């Protein structure tokens, strides 16, 4: 249950103001078909984060416990710093409209999520918790918590979210996970 809750919380916070959330705002404004957009986000996230979760789990097979602890600890601290850097959305991410709303959303979200903070976090969380299903479910739920309101409420909430404060909180959580991992917190679950 920890893997699910931590994954949900971290990704929901890290996603606020992220380029994929900006993409959700753009798609909602452009197409005005919220159900198709939300389903596209869900499918793209499940595929992307499943790949990331499996990769994270596989990495633990390659590294010994000490190396894994250092890689994860440093990765979480790097994620904390990365979370503090504002994202920018490339307009081409939303310009696939010839495929229809659902497919455009799936493709754009999948591509925007490649190498993104939340995908990298999914890799690290899956390696940390050794529970691909719980981590992928949690990170996907976190993405939906952040992006569904962006699709449904769009302009009404865009200016009211304290993005810097939310990113600061997410960075603090990533940093705490990194320090705890470096200090051996992961050893109780096999590292």
N, C-alpha and C. Protein backbone atom coordinates (compact mmCIF):
# COMPACT_ATOMS: atom_id res chain seq x y z
N UNK A 1 0.82 -1.20 0.00
CA UNK A 1 0.00 0.00 0.00
C UNK A 1 0.87 1.26 0.00
N UNK A 2 2.04 1.22 0.69
CA UNK A 2 2.94 2.37 0.69
C UNK A 2 3.35 2.73 -0.72
N UNK A 3 3.66 1.74 -1.54
CA UNK A 3 4.11 2.00 -2.91
C UNK A 3 3.03 2.76 -3.68
N UNK A 4 1.78 2.36 -3.53
CA UNK A 4 0.68 3.03 -4.22
C UNK A 4 0.51 4.46 -3.73
N UNK A 5 0.46 4.64 -2.41
CA UNK A 5 0.22 5.97 -1.84
C UNK A 5 1.36 6.95 -2.13
N UNK A 6 2.58 6.49 -1.93
CA UNK A 6 3.73 7.37 -2.20
C UNK A 6 3.79 7.72 -3.68
N UNK A 7 3.59 6.73 -4.54
CA UNK A 7 3.62 6.97 -5.99
C UNK A 7 2.52 7.94 -6.41
N UNK A 8 1.34 7.77 -5.86
CA UNK A 8 0.23 8.68 -6.18
C UNK A 8 0.56 10.10 -5.76
N UNK A 9 0.97 10.25 -4.52
CA UNK A 9 1.25 11.59 -3.98
C UNK A 9 2.36 12.31 -4.71
N UNK A 10 3.46 11.62 -4.95
CA UNK A 10 4.60 12.25 -5.61
C UNK A 10 4.23 12.68 -7.02
N UNK A 11 3.60 11.81 -7.77
CA UNK A 11 3.29 12.14 -9.17
C UNK A 11 2.21 13.21 -9.25
N UNK A 12 1.21 13.15 -8.39
CA UNK A 12 0.16 14.18 -8.42
C UNK A 12 0.77 15.55 -8.16
N UNK A 13 1.68 15.65 -7.21
CA UNK A 13 2.33 16.93 -6.91
C UNK A 13 3.29 17.34 -8.01
N UNK A 14 4.09 16.40 -8.49
CA UNK A 14 5.09 16.72 -9.53
C UNK A 14 4.42 17.11 -10.85
N UNK A 15 3.21 16.64 -11.07
CA UNK A 15 2.52 16.88 -12.34
C UNK A 15 1.92 18.29 -12.42
N UNK A 16 1.73 18.95 -11.29
CA UNK A 16 1.17 20.30 -11.30
C UNK A 16 2.14 21.23 -12.03
N UNK A 17 1.66 21.82 -13.10
CA UNK A 17 2.49 22.72 -13.90
C UNK A 17 3.45 22.02 -14.84
N UNK A 18 3.41 20.69 -14.88
CA UNK A 18 4.28 19.91 -15.76
C UNK A 18 3.81 20.06 -17.20
N UNK A 19 4.70 19.74 -18.15
CA UNK A 19 4.32 19.93 -19.56
C UNK A 19 3.13 19.07 -19.96
N UNK A 20 2.95 17.91 -19.34
CA UNK A 20 1.78 17.11 -19.71
C UNK A 20 0.49 17.72 -19.15
N UNK A 21 0.57 18.40 -18.03
CA UNK A 21 -0.61 19.10 -17.54
C UNK A 21 -0.91 20.30 -18.44
N UNK A 22 0.12 20.97 -18.90
CA UNK A 22 -0.08 22.06 -19.86
C UNK A 22 -0.69 21.51 -21.15
N UNK A 23 -0.25 20.33 -21.56
CA UNK A 23 -0.82 19.68 -22.73
C UNK A 23 -2.31 19.37 -22.52
N UNK A 24 -2.66 18.93 -21.31
CA UNK A 24 -4.08 18.66 -20.99
C UNK A 24 -4.91 19.94 -21.15
N UNK A 25 -4.39 21.07 -20.66
CA UNK A 25 -5.09 22.34 -20.81
C UNK A 25 -5.30 22.67 -22.29
N UNK A 26 -4.24 22.50 -23.08
CA UNK A 26 -4.30 22.84 -24.52
C UNK A 26 -5.30 21.94 -25.25
N UNK A 27 -5.23 20.64 -24.99
CA UNK A 27 -6.14 19.71 -25.66
C UNK A 27 -7.59 19.99 -25.27
N UNK A 28 -7.82 20.31 -24.00
CA UNK A 28 -9.18 20.62 -23.55
C UNK A 28 -9.71 21.87 -24.24
N UNK A 29 -8.87 22.87 -24.37
CA UNK A 29 -9.30 24.11 -25.02
C UNK A 29 -9.51 23.91 -26.52
N UNK A 30 -8.67 23.09 -27.11
CA UNK A 30 -8.71 22.89 -28.57
C UNK A 30 -9.89 22.01 -28.99
N UNK A 31 -10.11 20.91 -28.29
CA UNK A 31 -11.09 19.93 -28.74
C UNK A 31 -12.43 19.97 -28.01
N UNK A 32 -12.42 20.35 -26.74
CA UNK A 32 -13.65 20.42 -25.94
C UNK A 32 -14.41 19.08 -25.93
N UNK A 33 -13.67 18.01 -25.82
CA UNK A 33 -14.24 16.65 -25.70
C UNK A 33 -13.57 15.99 -24.50
N UNK A 34 -13.98 16.36 -23.28
CA UNK A 34 -13.27 15.93 -22.09
C UNK A 34 -13.17 14.41 -21.89
N UNK A 35 -14.23 13.67 -22.19
CA UNK A 35 -14.18 12.22 -21.97
C UNK A 35 -13.11 11.57 -22.84
N UNK A 36 -13.06 11.93 -24.10
CA UNK A 36 -12.06 11.36 -25.00
C UNK A 36 -10.64 11.75 -24.57
N UNK A 37 -10.48 12.98 -24.11
CA UNK A 37 -9.16 13.44 -23.66
C UNK A 37 -8.74 12.70 -22.41
N UNK A 38 -9.64 12.58 -21.44
CA UNK A 38 -9.32 11.88 -20.19
C UNK A 38 -8.98 10.41 -20.47
N UNK A 39 -9.75 9.75 -21.33
CA UNK A 39 -9.45 8.36 -21.67
C UNK A 39 -8.11 8.25 -22.40
N UNK A 40 -7.80 9.20 -23.25
CA UNK A 40 -6.50 9.21 -23.94
C UNK A 40 -5.35 9.38 -22.96
N UNK A 41 -5.52 10.26 -21.98
CA UNK A 41 -4.50 10.45 -20.95
C UNK A 41 -4.31 9.15 -20.16
N UNK A 42 -5.41 8.51 -19.80
CA UNK A 42 -5.34 7.27 -19.03
C UNK A 42 -4.59 6.18 -19.79
N UNK A 43 -4.95 5.95 -21.04
CA UNK A 43 -4.31 4.90 -21.84
C UNK A 43 -2.82 5.21 -22.04
N UNK A 44 -2.51 6.45 -22.42
CA UNK A 44 -1.10 6.82 -22.65
C UNK A 44 -0.28 6.66 -21.38
N UNK A 45 -0.84 7.06 -20.25
CA UNK A 45 -0.12 6.97 -18.98
C UNK A 45 0.08 5.51 -18.57
N UNK A 46 -0.96 4.70 -18.71
CA UNK A 46 -0.82 3.27 -18.37
C UNK A 46 0.28 2.60 -19.19
N UNK A 47 0.31 2.86 -20.48
CA UNK A 47 1.33 2.25 -21.34
C UNK A 47 2.71 2.78 -20.97
N UNK A 48 2.83 4.09 -20.86
CA UNK A 48 4.12 4.71 -20.58
C UNK A 48 4.65 4.30 -19.21
N UNK A 49 3.82 4.36 -18.19
CA UNK A 49 4.28 4.06 -16.84
C UNK A 49 4.46 2.56 -16.63
N UNK A 50 3.73 1.73 -17.36
CA UNK A 50 3.96 0.28 -17.28
C UNK A 50 5.36 -0.04 -17.78
N UNK A 51 5.72 0.56 -18.90
CA UNK A 51 7.08 0.39 -19.43
C UNK A 51 8.11 0.87 -18.42
N UNK A 52 7.88 2.03 -17.83
CA UNK A 52 8.81 2.59 -16.85
C UNK A 52 8.90 1.71 -15.60
N UNK A 53 7.76 1.20 -15.14
CA UNK A 53 7.75 0.34 -13.97
C UNK A 53 8.51 -0.96 -14.19
N UNK A 54 8.32 -1.56 -15.35
CA UNK A 54 9.04 -2.80 -15.68
C UNK A 54 10.54 -2.50 -15.77
N UNK A 55 10.89 -1.38 -16.37
CA UNK A 55 12.30 -0.98 -16.46
C UNK A 55 12.90 -0.81 -15.07
N UNK A 56 12.18 -0.14 -14.19
CA UNK A 56 12.65 0.05 -12.81
C UNK A 56 12.85 -1.27 -12.09
N UNK A 57 11.93 -2.17 -12.27
CA UNK A 57 12.04 -3.49 -11.64
C UNK A 57 13.22 -4.28 -12.22
N UNK A 58 13.42 -4.18 -13.53
CA UNK A 58 14.51 -4.88 -14.20
C UNK A 58 15.88 -4.37 -13.74
N UNK A 59 15.98 -3.05 -13.52
CA UNK A 59 17.24 -2.46 -13.08
C UNK A 59 17.71 -3.07 -11.77
N UNK A 60 16.77 -3.40 -10.90
CA UNK A 60 17.16 -3.97 -9.60
C UNK A 60 17.81 -5.35 -9.75
N UNK A 61 17.54 -6.01 -10.87
CA UNK A 61 18.18 -7.31 -11.12
C UNK A 61 19.63 -7.14 -11.55
N UNK A 62 19.97 -5.98 -12.10
CA UNK A 62 21.31 -5.73 -12.61
C UNK A 62 22.28 -5.22 -11.56
N UNK A 63 21.76 -4.52 -10.57
CA UNK A 63 22.62 -3.88 -9.59
C UNK A 63 22.53 -4.56 -8.24
N UNK A 64 23.63 -4.55 -7.52
CA UNK A 64 23.64 -5.08 -6.17
C UNK A 64 22.95 -4.11 -5.23
N UNK A 65 22.70 -4.54 -3.99
CA UNK A 65 21.95 -3.70 -3.04
C UNK A 65 22.62 -2.36 -2.74
N UNK A 66 23.92 -2.32 -2.59
CA UNK A 66 24.60 -1.07 -2.26
C UNK A 66 24.55 -0.11 -3.45
N UNK A 67 24.86 -0.62 -4.63
CA UNK A 67 24.81 0.23 -5.83
C UNK A 67 23.38 0.73 -6.07
N UNK A 68 22.42 -0.14 -5.86
CA UNK A 68 21.02 0.24 -6.07
C UNK A 68 20.62 1.34 -5.11
N UNK A 69 21.04 1.23 -3.86
CA UNK A 69 20.72 2.26 -2.86
C UNK A 69 21.28 3.61 -3.30
N UNK A 70 22.51 3.64 -3.78
CA UNK A 70 23.12 4.89 -4.22
C UNK A 70 22.44 5.44 -5.48
N UNK A 71 22.18 4.58 -6.43
CA UNK A 71 21.51 5.03 -7.66
C UNK A 71 20.14 5.62 -7.34
N UNK A 72 19.37 4.92 -6.52
CA UNK A 72 18.04 5.42 -6.16
C UNK A 72 18.11 6.70 -5.35
N UNK A 73 18.98 6.73 -4.36
CA UNK A 73 19.10 7.93 -3.52
C UNK A 73 19.46 9.15 -4.33
N UNK A 74 20.47 9.02 -5.18
CA UNK A 74 20.89 10.14 -6.02
C UNK A 74 19.78 10.48 -7.03
N UNK A 75 19.10 9.46 -7.57
CA UNK A 75 18.01 9.71 -8.53
C UNK A 75 16.88 10.51 -7.89
N UNK A 76 16.49 10.16 -6.68
CA UNK A 76 15.43 10.90 -6.00
C UNK A 76 15.85 12.35 -5.74
N UNK A 77 17.10 12.56 -5.35
CA UNK A 77 17.59 13.93 -5.11
C UNK A 77 17.63 14.70 -6.43
N UNK A 78 18.06 14.05 -7.51
CA UNK A 78 18.04 14.69 -8.82
C UNK A 78 16.61 15.05 -9.23
N UNK A 79 15.66 14.16 -8.93
CA UNK A 79 14.25 14.44 -9.23
C UNK A 79 13.77 15.66 -8.44
N UNK A 80 14.24 15.80 -7.20
CA UNK A 80 13.87 16.97 -6.40
C UNK A 80 14.32 18.25 -7.09
N UNK A 81 15.54 18.26 -7.57
CA UNK A 81 16.06 19.45 -8.26
C UNK A 81 15.32 19.69 -9.58
N UNK A 82 15.08 18.61 -10.33
CA UNK A 82 14.39 18.71 -11.62
C UNK A 82 12.97 19.26 -11.46
N UNK A 83 12.33 18.88 -10.36
CA UNK A 83 10.96 19.32 -10.10
C UNK A 83 10.88 20.84 -9.95
N UNK A 84 11.97 21.44 -9.53
CA UNK A 84 11.99 22.89 -9.32
C UNK A 84 12.18 23.67 -10.62
N UNK A 85 12.48 22.98 -11.73
CA UNK A 85 12.68 23.64 -13.02
C UNK A 85 11.34 23.68 -13.75
N UNK A 86 10.85 24.87 -14.11
CA UNK A 86 9.56 24.95 -14.80
C UNK A 86 9.60 24.27 -16.17
N UNK A 87 8.51 23.63 -16.53
CA UNK A 87 8.39 22.98 -17.84
C UNK A 87 7.84 23.93 -18.86
N UNK A 88 8.19 23.67 -20.12
CA UNK A 88 7.61 24.39 -21.24
C UNK A 88 7.07 23.35 -22.20
N UNK A 89 5.96 23.65 -22.80
CA UNK A 89 5.32 22.72 -23.74
C UNK A 89 5.65 23.12 -25.16
N UNK A 90 6.04 22.16 -25.94
CA UNK A 90 6.29 22.37 -27.35
C UNK A 90 4.94 22.25 -28.07
N UNK A 91 4.56 23.24 -28.83
CA UNK A 91 3.25 23.25 -29.50
C UNK A 91 3.06 22.03 -30.41
N UNK A 92 4.13 21.46 -30.93
CA UNK A 92 3.98 20.30 -31.81
C UNK A 92 3.43 19.09 -31.05
N UNK A 93 3.57 19.09 -29.70
CA UNK A 93 3.03 18.00 -28.91
C UNK A 93 1.51 17.89 -29.04
N UNK A 94 0.84 18.98 -29.34
CA UNK A 94 -0.62 18.98 -29.43
C UNK A 94 -1.13 19.06 -30.86
N UNK A 95 -0.25 18.95 -31.85
CA UNK A 95 -0.66 19.18 -33.23
C UNK A 95 -0.82 17.90 -34.05
N UNK A 96 -1.39 16.90 -33.46
CA UNK A 96 -1.59 15.62 -34.14
C UNK A 96 -3.07 15.40 -34.46
N UNK A 97 -3.83 16.47 -34.55
CA UNK A 97 -5.29 16.39 -34.59
C UNK A 97 -5.88 15.58 -35.73
N UNK A 98 -5.13 15.28 -36.76
CA UNK A 98 -5.69 14.50 -37.87
C UNK A 98 -6.05 13.07 -37.45
N UNK A 99 -5.58 12.65 -36.27
CA UNK A 99 -5.85 11.30 -35.78
C UNK A 99 -7.11 11.22 -34.93
N UNK A 100 -7.76 12.33 -34.67
CA UNK A 100 -8.93 12.35 -33.80
C UNK A 100 -8.53 12.68 -32.37
N UNK A 101 -9.50 13.02 -31.55
CA UNK A 101 -9.23 13.50 -30.20
C UNK A 101 -8.56 12.44 -29.33
N UNK A 102 -9.16 11.24 -29.26
CA UNK A 102 -8.61 10.18 -28.40
C UNK A 102 -7.19 9.81 -28.83
N UNK A 103 -6.99 9.54 -30.11
CA UNK A 103 -5.67 9.13 -30.61
C UNK A 103 -4.65 10.25 -30.48
N UNK A 104 -5.07 11.47 -30.75
CA UNK A 104 -4.16 12.62 -30.60
C UNK A 104 -3.70 12.72 -29.16
N UNK A 105 -4.64 12.59 -28.23
CA UNK A 105 -4.29 12.66 -26.81
C UNK A 105 -3.35 11.53 -26.43
N UNK A 106 -3.65 10.31 -26.85
CA UNK A 106 -2.78 9.17 -26.54
C UNK A 106 -1.36 9.40 -27.05
N UNK A 107 -1.25 9.75 -28.30
CA UNK A 107 0.07 9.93 -28.92
C UNK A 107 0.81 11.09 -28.28
N UNK A 108 0.13 12.24 -28.14
CA UNK A 108 0.78 13.43 -27.59
C UNK A 108 1.22 13.20 -26.15
N UNK A 109 0.37 12.58 -25.34
CA UNK A 109 0.73 12.33 -23.94
C UNK A 109 1.84 11.31 -23.83
N UNK A 110 1.78 10.26 -24.61
CA UNK A 110 2.83 9.25 -24.56
C UNK A 110 4.18 9.89 -24.91
N UNK A 111 4.22 10.67 -25.97
CA UNK A 111 5.47 11.30 -26.40
C UNK A 111 5.95 12.35 -25.39
N UNK A 112 5.03 13.15 -24.87
CA UNK A 112 5.40 14.18 -23.90
C UNK A 112 5.91 13.55 -22.61
N UNK A 113 5.44 12.38 -22.28
CA UNK A 113 5.81 11.71 -21.03
C UNK A 113 7.16 10.99 -21.15
N UNK A 114 7.64 10.75 -22.36
CA UNK A 114 8.93 10.07 -22.54
C UNK A 114 10.05 10.92 -21.96
N UNK A 115 10.74 10.38 -20.97
CA UNK A 115 11.84 11.07 -20.33
C UNK A 115 11.41 12.19 -19.40
N UNK A 116 10.11 12.31 -19.16
CA UNK A 116 9.58 13.35 -18.28
C UNK A 116 9.82 12.97 -16.82
N UNK A 117 9.67 13.96 -15.93
CA UNK A 117 9.88 13.73 -14.50
C UNK A 117 9.06 12.56 -13.97
N UNK A 118 7.80 12.51 -14.36
CA UNK A 118 6.94 11.47 -13.79
C UNK A 118 7.30 10.08 -14.33
N UNK A 119 7.80 9.99 -15.55
CA UNK A 119 8.24 8.69 -16.06
C UNK A 119 9.51 8.24 -15.33
N UNK A 120 10.45 9.16 -15.16
CA UNK A 120 11.67 8.84 -14.44
C UNK A 120 11.35 8.48 -12.99
N UNK A 121 10.42 9.21 -12.39
CA UNK A 121 9.99 8.89 -11.02
C UNK A 121 9.39 7.50 -10.95
N UNK A 122 8.64 7.11 -11.97
CA UNK A 122 8.04 5.77 -12.00
C UNK A 122 9.12 4.70 -12.03
N UNK A 123 10.17 4.92 -12.82
CA UNK A 123 11.29 3.97 -12.87
C UNK A 123 11.90 3.84 -11.47
N UNK A 124 12.20 4.97 -10.85
CA UNK A 124 12.84 4.96 -9.54
C UNK A 124 11.94 4.36 -8.46
N UNK A 125 10.66 4.68 -8.49
CA UNK A 125 9.74 4.14 -7.49
C UNK A 125 9.55 2.64 -7.65
N UNK A 126 9.48 2.17 -8.89
CA UNK A 126 9.36 0.72 -9.12
C UNK A 126 10.61 0.00 -8.63
N UNK A 127 11.76 0.61 -8.83
CA UNK A 127 13.00 0.00 -8.33
C UNK A 127 13.03 0.02 -6.81
N UNK A 128 12.58 1.10 -6.22
CA UNK A 128 12.59 1.24 -4.76
C UNK A 128 11.63 0.26 -4.10
N UNK A 129 10.41 0.18 -4.60
CA UNK A 129 9.38 -0.60 -3.92
C UNK A 129 9.23 -2.02 -4.43
N UNK A 130 9.81 -2.35 -5.58
CA UNK A 130 9.70 -3.70 -6.14
C UNK A 130 8.25 -4.16 -6.25
N UNK A 131 7.39 -3.25 -6.65
CA UNK A 131 5.98 -3.55 -6.83
C UNK A 131 5.48 -2.79 -8.05
N UNK A 132 5.71 -3.37 -9.22
CA UNK A 132 5.37 -2.68 -10.46
C UNK A 132 3.88 -2.32 -10.51
N UNK A 133 3.02 -3.23 -10.13
CA UNK A 133 1.58 -3.00 -10.23
C UNK A 133 1.16 -1.84 -9.32
N UNK A 134 1.60 -1.84 -8.06
CA UNK A 134 1.23 -0.77 -7.14
C UNK A 134 1.80 0.57 -7.57
N UNK A 135 3.06 0.56 -8.03
CA UNK A 135 3.68 1.82 -8.46
C UNK A 135 2.99 2.36 -9.71
N UNK A 136 2.77 1.51 -10.71
CA UNK A 136 2.12 1.97 -11.94
C UNK A 136 0.69 2.44 -11.64
N UNK A 137 -0.01 1.72 -10.80
CA UNK A 137 -1.37 2.15 -10.42
C UNK A 137 -1.30 3.50 -9.71
N UNK A 138 -0.33 3.66 -8.81
CA UNK A 138 -0.19 4.91 -8.07
C UNK A 138 0.21 6.09 -8.95
N UNK A 139 1.22 5.88 -9.81
CA UNK A 139 1.66 6.98 -10.67
C UNK A 139 0.58 7.35 -11.68
N UNK A 140 -0.14 6.36 -12.16
CA UNK A 140 -1.24 6.63 -13.10
C UNK A 140 -2.35 7.39 -12.40
N UNK A 141 -2.69 6.98 -11.20
CA UNK A 141 -3.72 7.67 -10.43
C UNK A 141 -3.28 9.11 -10.14
N UNK A 142 -2.01 9.29 -9.79
CA UNK A 142 -1.48 10.63 -9.56
C UNK A 142 -1.58 11.52 -10.80
N UNK A 143 -1.28 10.93 -11.97
CA UNK A 143 -1.43 11.68 -13.23
C UNK A 143 -2.88 12.08 -13.44
N UNK A 144 -3.79 11.18 -13.15
CA UNK A 144 -5.20 11.48 -13.36
C UNK A 144 -5.69 12.54 -12.36
N UNK A 145 -5.22 12.47 -11.12
CA UNK A 145 -5.60 13.48 -10.12
C UNK A 145 -5.20 14.87 -10.59
N UNK A 146 -4.03 14.99 -11.21
CA UNK A 146 -3.55 16.29 -11.66
C UNK A 146 -4.16 16.72 -12.99
N UNK A 147 -4.40 15.77 -13.88
CA UNK A 147 -4.80 16.13 -15.24
C UNK A 147 -6.30 16.16 -15.51
N UNK A 148 -7.08 15.36 -14.81
CA UNK A 148 -8.53 15.39 -15.05
C UNK A 148 -9.11 16.76 -14.71
N UNK A 149 -8.75 17.36 -13.56
CA UNK A 149 -9.26 18.71 -13.33
C UNK A 149 -8.79 19.72 -14.39
N UNK A 150 -7.58 19.53 -14.89
CA UNK A 150 -7.08 20.42 -15.95
C UNK A 150 -7.96 20.32 -17.19
N UNK A 151 -8.40 19.11 -17.50
CA UNK A 151 -9.25 18.91 -18.67
C UNK A 151 -10.66 19.44 -18.39
N UNK A 152 -11.20 19.14 -17.24
CA UNK A 152 -12.59 19.50 -16.94
C UNK A 152 -12.78 20.97 -16.59
N UNK A 153 -11.83 21.55 -15.89
CA UNK A 153 -12.01 22.92 -15.39
C UNK A 153 -11.13 23.94 -16.10
N UNK A 154 -10.09 23.46 -16.76
CA UNK A 154 -9.22 24.28 -17.58
C UNK A 154 -8.90 25.66 -17.05
N UNK A 155 -9.38 26.67 -17.75
CA UNK A 155 -9.06 28.05 -17.44
C UNK A 155 -9.53 28.48 -16.05
N UNK A 156 -10.55 27.86 -15.53
CA UNK A 156 -11.09 28.24 -14.23
C UNK A 156 -10.09 28.00 -13.10
N UNK A 157 -9.21 26.99 -13.24
CA UNK A 157 -8.27 26.68 -12.16
C UNK A 157 -6.82 27.01 -12.50
N UNK A 158 -6.52 27.27 -13.76
CA UNK A 158 -5.13 27.45 -14.20
C UNK A 158 -4.38 28.50 -13.38
N UNK A 159 -4.98 29.63 -13.12
CA UNK A 159 -4.30 30.70 -12.41
C UNK A 159 -4.40 30.62 -10.90
N UNK A 160 -5.13 29.66 -10.38
CA UNK A 160 -5.38 29.59 -8.94
C UNK A 160 -4.52 28.57 -8.21
N UNK A 161 -3.73 27.80 -8.94
CA UNK A 161 -2.89 26.78 -8.32
C UNK A 161 -1.52 27.39 -8.03
N UNK A 162 -1.07 27.33 -6.77
CA UNK A 162 0.26 27.87 -6.46
C UNK A 162 1.36 26.89 -6.93
N UNK A 163 1.66 26.95 -8.22
CA UNK A 163 2.55 25.98 -8.86
C UNK A 163 3.91 25.90 -8.18
N UNK A 164 4.49 27.03 -7.86
CA UNK A 164 5.82 27.03 -7.21
C UNK A 164 5.76 26.32 -5.86
N UNK A 165 4.72 26.57 -5.09
CA UNK A 165 4.59 25.94 -3.77
C UNK A 165 4.40 24.43 -3.92
N UNK A 166 3.58 24.02 -4.88
CA UNK A 166 3.35 22.60 -5.11
C UNK A 166 4.64 21.92 -5.57
N UNK A 167 5.36 22.57 -6.48
CA UNK A 167 6.64 22.00 -6.93
C UNK A 167 7.63 21.93 -5.77
N UNK A 168 7.63 22.94 -4.92
CA UNK A 168 8.51 22.91 -3.74
C UNK A 168 8.19 21.74 -2.83
N UNK A 169 6.92 21.47 -2.61
CA UNK A 169 6.51 20.34 -1.78
C UNK A 169 6.92 19.02 -2.44
N UNK A 170 6.70 18.89 -3.73
CA UNK A 170 7.10 17.67 -4.44
C UNK A 170 8.62 17.49 -4.37
N UNK A 171 9.37 18.57 -4.54
CA UNK A 171 10.84 18.50 -4.46
C UNK A 171 11.27 18.08 -3.07
N UNK A 172 10.60 18.59 -2.06
CA UNK A 172 10.92 18.22 -0.68
C UNK A 172 10.68 16.72 -0.45
N UNK A 173 9.59 16.20 -0.96
CA UNK A 173 9.29 14.77 -0.81
C UNK A 173 10.32 13.93 -1.56
N UNK A 174 10.66 14.32 -2.80
CA UNK A 174 11.70 13.59 -3.54
C UNK A 174 13.02 13.62 -2.78
N UNK A 175 13.40 14.79 -2.27
CA UNK A 175 14.66 14.91 -1.52
C UNK A 175 14.65 14.04 -0.27
N UNK A 176 13.52 14.04 0.44
CA UNK A 176 13.41 13.20 1.64
C UNK A 176 13.54 11.72 1.29
N UNK A 177 12.90 11.32 0.21
CA UNK A 177 13.04 9.92 -0.24
C UNK A 177 14.49 9.61 -0.59
N UNK A 178 15.16 10.54 -1.25
CA UNK A 178 16.56 10.35 -1.62
C UNK A 178 17.45 10.20 -0.41
N UNK A 179 17.32 11.10 0.54
CA UNK A 179 18.13 11.05 1.76
C UNK A 179 17.82 9.78 2.55
N UNK A 180 16.54 9.46 2.69
CA UNK A 180 16.16 8.24 3.42
C UNK A 180 16.73 7.00 2.75
N UNK A 181 16.70 6.97 1.44
CA UNK A 181 17.25 5.83 0.70
C UNK A 181 18.76 5.74 0.91
N UNK A 182 19.45 6.87 0.80
CA UNK A 182 20.90 6.87 1.01
C UNK A 182 21.27 6.45 2.43
N UNK A 183 20.40 6.76 3.37
CA UNK A 183 20.66 6.38 4.77
C UNK A 183 20.24 4.95 5.09
N UNK A 184 19.71 4.25 4.08
CA UNK A 184 19.41 2.83 4.26
C UNK A 184 17.96 2.48 4.46
N UNK A 185 17.03 3.41 4.25
CA UNK A 185 15.61 3.11 4.44
C UNK A 185 15.14 1.99 3.54
N UNK A 186 15.71 1.86 2.36
CA UNK A 186 15.30 0.81 1.43
C UNK A 186 15.75 -0.58 1.83
N UNK A 187 16.69 -0.66 2.78
CA UNK A 187 17.20 -1.97 3.17
C UNK A 187 16.13 -2.86 3.78
N UNK A 188 15.12 -2.26 4.38
CA UNK A 188 14.06 -3.08 4.98
C UNK A 188 13.21 -3.76 3.92
N UNK A 189 13.29 -3.26 2.65
CA UNK A 189 12.52 -3.89 1.58
C UNK A 189 13.44 -4.57 0.57
N UNK A 190 14.65 -4.89 0.98
CA UNK A 190 15.48 -5.71 0.13
C UNK A 190 16.72 -5.08 -0.44
N UNK A 191 17.04 -3.81 -0.11
CA UNK A 191 18.25 -3.21 -0.66
C UNK A 191 19.34 -3.17 0.36
